[in-house]
């Protein structure tokens, strides 16, 4: 298992917008869509020297805070905590 990062870390939560309806439409084909989504996320993390901890849910106060930010997001949104925004300054990737 890869060592967990230390210092300042950023949690990323993703979801497939309309996933319930998509599941109904695609049936067993939804697994391919979910697999592709997870692969894109993993490749993005690797490119940024990040790691994937879990695909279902993680634990800890910081994760709870990040999950609360996640619940405020809607399709097409990218939300950042104030701490993350401050670290990025005026330059967004």
Protein backbone atom coordinates (compact mmCIF):
# COMPACT_ATOMS: atom_id res chain seq x y z
CA UNK A 1 0.00 0.00 0.00
CA UNK A 2 1.24 3.47 -0.87
CA UNK A 3 2.15 5.70 2.07
CA UNK A 4 -0.42 8.32 2.91
CA UNK A 5 0.58 11.92 2.32
CA UNK A 6 1.43 14.24 5.17
CA UNK A 7 1.30 17.99 5.56
CA UNK A 8 -1.35 19.91 3.65
CA UNK A 9 -3.58 17.59 1.64
CA UNK A 10 -6.62 18.13 -0.55
CA UNK A 11 -9.56 15.74 -0.65
CA UNK A 12 -11.35 15.24 -3.94
CA UNK A 13 -14.86 13.85 -4.18
CA UNK A 14 -16.36 13.07 -7.55
CA UNK A 15 -19.72 11.86 -8.71
CA UNK A 16 -21.39 11.09 -12.00
CA UNK A 17 -24.19 13.60 -12.46
CA UNK A 18 -27.51 11.86 -13.04
CA UNK A 19 -26.01 8.51 -12.11
CA UNK A 20 -29.29 7.00 -10.91
CA UNK A 21 -31.04 7.76 -14.19
CA UNK A 22 -27.98 6.67 -16.13
CA UNK A 23 -27.96 3.38 -14.25
CA UNK A 24 -31.60 2.83 -15.18
CA UNK A 25 -30.84 3.54 -18.84
CA UNK A 26 -27.64 1.54 -19.16
CA UNK A 27 -28.36 -1.33 -16.79
CA UNK A 28 -25.32 -3.60 -16.63
CA UNK A 29 -23.46 -1.22 -18.98
CA UNK A 30 -23.27 1.31 -16.16
CA UNK A 31 -20.31 -0.59 -14.72
CA UNK A 32 -18.26 0.41 -17.77
CA UNK A 33 -19.16 4.09 -17.28
CA UNK A 34 -18.24 3.92 -13.60
CA UNK A 35 -14.99 2.13 -14.43
CA UNK A 36 -14.07 4.80 -16.97
CA UNK A 37 -14.87 7.54 -14.44
CA UNK A 38 -12.64 5.93 -11.82
CA UNK A 39 -9.82 5.40 -14.33
CA UNK A 40 -9.87 9.08 -15.34
CA UNK A 41 -9.73 10.11 -11.67
CA UNK A 42 -6.87 7.69 -10.92
CA UNK A 43 -4.85 8.86 -13.93
CA UNK A 44 -5.39 12.48 -12.92
CA UNK A 45 -4.25 11.75 -9.36
CA UNK A 46 -1.13 9.93 -10.56
CA UNK A 47 -0.26 12.82 -12.90
CA UNK A 48 -0.46 15.20 -9.89
CA UNK A 49 1.49 12.87 -7.55
CA UNK A 50 -1.73 12.17 -5.65
CA UNK A 51 -3.23 8.94 -4.42
CA UNK A 52 -6.65 7.40 -4.27
CA UNK A 53 -7.56 6.35 -0.76
CA UNK A 54 -11.03 4.94 -1.24
CA UNK A 55 -13.82 4.77 -3.78
CA UNK A 56 -16.70 4.54 -1.30
CA UNK A 57 -16.02 6.85 1.64
CA UNK A 58 -13.20 7.91 3.87
CA UNK A 59 -13.02 8.78 7.62
CA UNK A 60 -11.91 11.69 9.76
CA UNK A 61 -12.93 15.26 10.48
CA UNK A 62 -11.24 16.69 7.39
CA UNK A 63 -13.08 14.18 5.23
CA UNK A 64 -16.37 15.18 6.86
CA UNK A 65 -15.63 18.81 6.02
CA UNK A 66 -14.79 17.89 2.44
CA UNK A 67 -17.96 15.82 2.17
CA UNK A 68 -20.01 18.83 3.29
CA UNK A 69 -18.45 20.90 0.51
CA UNK A 70 -19.24 18.07 -1.88
CA UNK A 71 -22.93 18.06 -0.96
CA UNK A 72 -23.17 21.73 -1.98
CA UNK A 73 -21.92 20.99 -5.50
CA UNK A 74 -24.12 20.46 -8.51
CA UNK A 75 -23.27 19.14 -11.95
CA UNK A 76 -20.55 21.16 -13.59
CA UNK A 77 -19.44 22.78 -10.32
CA UNK A 78 -15.95 22.78 -8.92
CA UNK A 79 -15.95 23.84 -5.29
CA UNK A 80 -12.91 24.55 -3.15
CA UNK A 81 -12.54 25.05 0.55
CA UNK A 82 -11.24 28.43 1.63
CA UNK A 83 -7.99 26.74 2.70
CA UNK A 84 -7.46 25.26 -0.76
CA UNK A 85 -8.33 28.56 -2.45
CA UNK A 86 -5.84 30.37 -0.25
CA UNK A 87 -3.10 27.88 -1.15
CA UNK A 88 -3.80 28.34 -4.86
CA UNK A 89 -3.87 32.12 -4.65
CA UNK A 90 -4.99 33.74 -7.88
CA UNK A 91 -3.69 30.96 -10.13
CA UNK A 92 -5.99 28.06 -10.78
CA UNK A 93 -4.74 25.00 -12.68
